[in-house]
Amino acid sequence: MSFKIAYDRRATSTYAFAILAEAWNEMVQDGLTPDNLGVPPISPDTEVIYAVGKDGDIVGVLAWNHDVHASAYEVTIAYVEPSSRQQGVFAEMIEDLCERAYAAGVAKIVSTVPAGSVAVTAFKQVGGKQVSITYEHKVT
């Protein structure tokens, strides 16, 4: 599959908005959001990289916020359409984000992902290292 990587400075006015909504919907349905939170982590300042397939359809999206105090880009949504997975889309988006971070003098890219999710494997496959584990206790 051939695709190109594109960028928008604001997630709220991006051509990739529909796939952001699709990504968040899938995460909510699969129970992969914090406490099944129904509000997506997208703000007017969220930046977006997206992959456009050869037919013009958007097949993947990566959204992040810049945490200036931590000198980090915090990935809030990473998603690739099911029919476009295993074709290097995610790796290309992460590579583009790494290049942007380097050019901006940002020290690291971080992403919090649910244990046991496909995202754990995906981030490891593109060179991410696990640096913490969060434990959650239900209070009854």
Protein backbone atom coordinates (compact mmCIF):
# COMPACT_ATOMS: atom_id res chain seq x y z
CA MET A 1 0.00 0.00 0.00
CA SER A 2 1.25 3.45 -0.77
CA PHE A 3 0.33 6.42 1.35
CA LYS A 4 1.59 9.88 2.20
CA ILE A 5 1.90 11.53 5.58
CA ALA A 6 0.17 14.88 6.16
CA TYR A 7 0.05 17.30 9.10
CA ASP A 8 -2.45 19.72 10.62
CA ARG A 9 -1.64 22.17 13.41
CA ARG A 10 -5.13 21.92 14.93
CA ALA A 11 -7.13 18.71 15.37
CA THR A 12 -10.39 20.64 15.43
CA SER A 13 -9.92 21.84 11.85
CA THR A 14 -8.25 18.86 10.22
CA TYR A 15 -9.17 16.75 7.22
CA ALA A 16 -8.54 13.82 9.59
CA PHE A 17 -11.34 14.79 11.98
CA ALA A 18 -13.62 11.92 10.89
CA ILE A 19 -10.95 9.29 11.55
CA LEU A 20 -10.21 10.87 14.94
CA ALA A 21 -13.88 10.36 15.80
CA GLU A 22 -13.74 6.79 14.48
CA ALA A 23 -10.63 6.08 16.56
CA TRP A 24 -12.16 7.43 19.75
CA ASN A 25 -15.41 5.54 19.13
CA GLU A 26 -13.51 2.25 18.76
CA MET A 27 -11.50 2.93 21.91
CA VAL A 28 -14.64 3.65 23.93
CA GLN A 29 -16.44 0.56 22.60
CA ASP A 30 -13.42 -1.64 23.38
CA GLY A 31 -13.19 -0.23 26.93
CA LEU A 32 -9.75 1.25 26.30
CA THR A 33 -10.46 4.72 27.65
CA PRO A 34 -9.76 5.85 31.21
CA ASP A 35 -12.78 4.81 33.27
CA ASN A 36 -14.70 4.52 29.99
CA LEU A 37 -14.47 8.28 29.61
CA GLY A 38 -16.59 9.41 26.71
CA VAL A 39 -14.81 12.71 26.09
CA PRO A 40 -11.92 12.44 23.60
CA PRO A 41 -8.54 13.91 24.54
CA ILE A 42 -8.59 16.41 21.70
CA SER A 43 -8.32 20.15 22.21
CA PRO A 44 -7.87 23.06 19.81
CA ASP A 45 -4.11 22.79 20.41
CA THR A 46 -3.88 19.08 19.62
CA GLU A 47 -1.69 18.51 16.57
CA VAL A 48 -2.34 15.74 14.06
CA ILE A 49 -0.34 13.63 11.64
CA TYR A 50 -2.39 11.47 9.32
CA ALA A 51 -1.80 8.98 6.55
CA VAL A 52 -3.57 9.39 3.22
CA GLY A 53 -3.95 6.30 1.03
CA LYS A 54 -3.44 6.34 -2.74
CA ASP A 55 -7.22 6.65 -3.25
CA GLY A 56 -7.32 9.80 -1.08
CA ASP A 57 -8.90 8.16 1.97
CA ILE A 58 -7.36 8.86 5.35
CA VAL A 59 -6.17 5.52 6.75
CA GLY A 60 -4.40 6.49 9.97
CA VAL A 61 -4.08 9.27 12.50
CA LEU A 62 -1.73 10.24 15.31
CA ALA A 63 -2.72 13.10 17.63
CA TRP A 64 -0.53 14.70 20.26
CA ASN A 65 -0.13 17.62 22.63
CA HIS A 66 3.11 19.40 23.43
CA ASP A 67 3.94 19.32 27.14
CA VAL A 68 6.43 22.19 27.24
CA HIS A 69 7.36 21.66 30.90
CA ALA A 70 8.29 18.01 30.32
CA SER A 71 9.83 18.72 26.88
CA ALA A 72 7.61 15.96 25.53
CA TYR A 73 5.05 15.26 22.86
CA GLU A 74 2.23 13.31 24.50
CA VAL A 75 0.40 11.04 22.04
CA THR A 76 -3.31 11.05 22.85
CA ILE A 77 -4.70 9.00 19.95
CA ALA A 78 -2.96 6.60 17.58
CA TYR A 79 -5.14 4.73 15.11
CA VAL A 80 -4.90 2.91 11.80
CA GLU A 81 -7.95 1.71 9.85
CA PRO A 82 -8.30 -2.09 10.18
CA SER A 83 -7.86 -2.63 6.42
CA SER A 84 -4.57 -0.67 6.47
CA ARG A 85 -2.90 -2.31 9.48
CA GLN A 86 0.35 -4.27 9.16
CA GLN A 87 1.41 -2.08 6.22
CA GLY A 88 3.77 0.37 7.91
CA VAL A 89 1.27 3.21 8.38
CA PHE A 90 1.79 3.51 12.14
CA ALA A 91 5.58 3.27 11.80
CA GLU A 92 5.62 6.08 9.22
CA MET A 93 3.46 8.33 11.40
CA ILE A 94 5.71 7.72 14.43
CA GLU A 95 8.82 8.37 12.33
CA ASP A 96 7.33 11.68 11.15
CA LEU A 97 6.48 12.63 14.73
CA CYS A 98 10.04 11.79 15.85
CA GLU A 99 11.43 14.03 13.10
CA ARG A 100 9.13 16.87 14.17
CA ALA A 101 10.11 16.43 17.82
CA TYR A 102 13.81 16.50 16.94
CA ALA A 103 13.41 19.63 14.81
CA ALA A 104 11.50 21.34 17.65
CA GLY A 105 14.07 20.38 20.30
CA VAL A 106 11.56 18.15 22.10
CA ALA A 107 13.32 15.50 24.21
CA LYS A 108 10.81 12.64 24.14
CA ILE A 109 7.51 11.26 22.92
CA VAL A 110 5.27 9.60 25.49
CA SER A 111 2.05 7.64 25.24
CA THR A 112 -0.06 6.00 27.91
CA VAL A 113 -1.68 2.84 26.60
CA PRO A 114 -3.98 0.29 28.27
CA ALA A 115 -2.29 -2.94 29.39
CA GLY A 116 -3.03 -5.82 27.08
CA SER A 117 -4.05 -3.59 24.18
CA VAL A 118 -2.65 -3.86 20.66
CA ALA A 119 -1.07 -0.45 21.28
CA VAL A 120 1.45 -2.04 23.69
CA THR A 121 2.81 -4.20 20.88
CA ALA A 122 2.55 -1.45 18.27
CA PHE A 123 4.61 1.05 20.27
CA LYS A 124 7.25 -1.60 21.07
CA GLN A 125 7.53 -2.50 17.38
CA VAL A 126 8.39 1.11 16.51
CA GLY A 127 11.09 1.41 19.17
CA GLY A 128 9.11 2.57 22.19
CA LYS A 129 10.28 1.45 25.63
CA GLN A 130 7.99 0.81 28.56
CA VAL A 131 8.98 3.13 31.38
CA SER A 132 6.20 2.73 33.93
CA ILE A 133 3.26 0.61 34.99
CA THR A 134 0.10 2.06 36.52
CA TYR A 135 -1.98 0.05 38.96
CA GLU A 136 -5.61 0.85 39.53
CA HIS A 137 -7.71 -0.27 42.51
CA LYS A 138 -11.49 -0.24 42.40
CA VAL A 139 -12.99 1.32 45.49
CA THR A 140 -16.29 -0.19 46.53
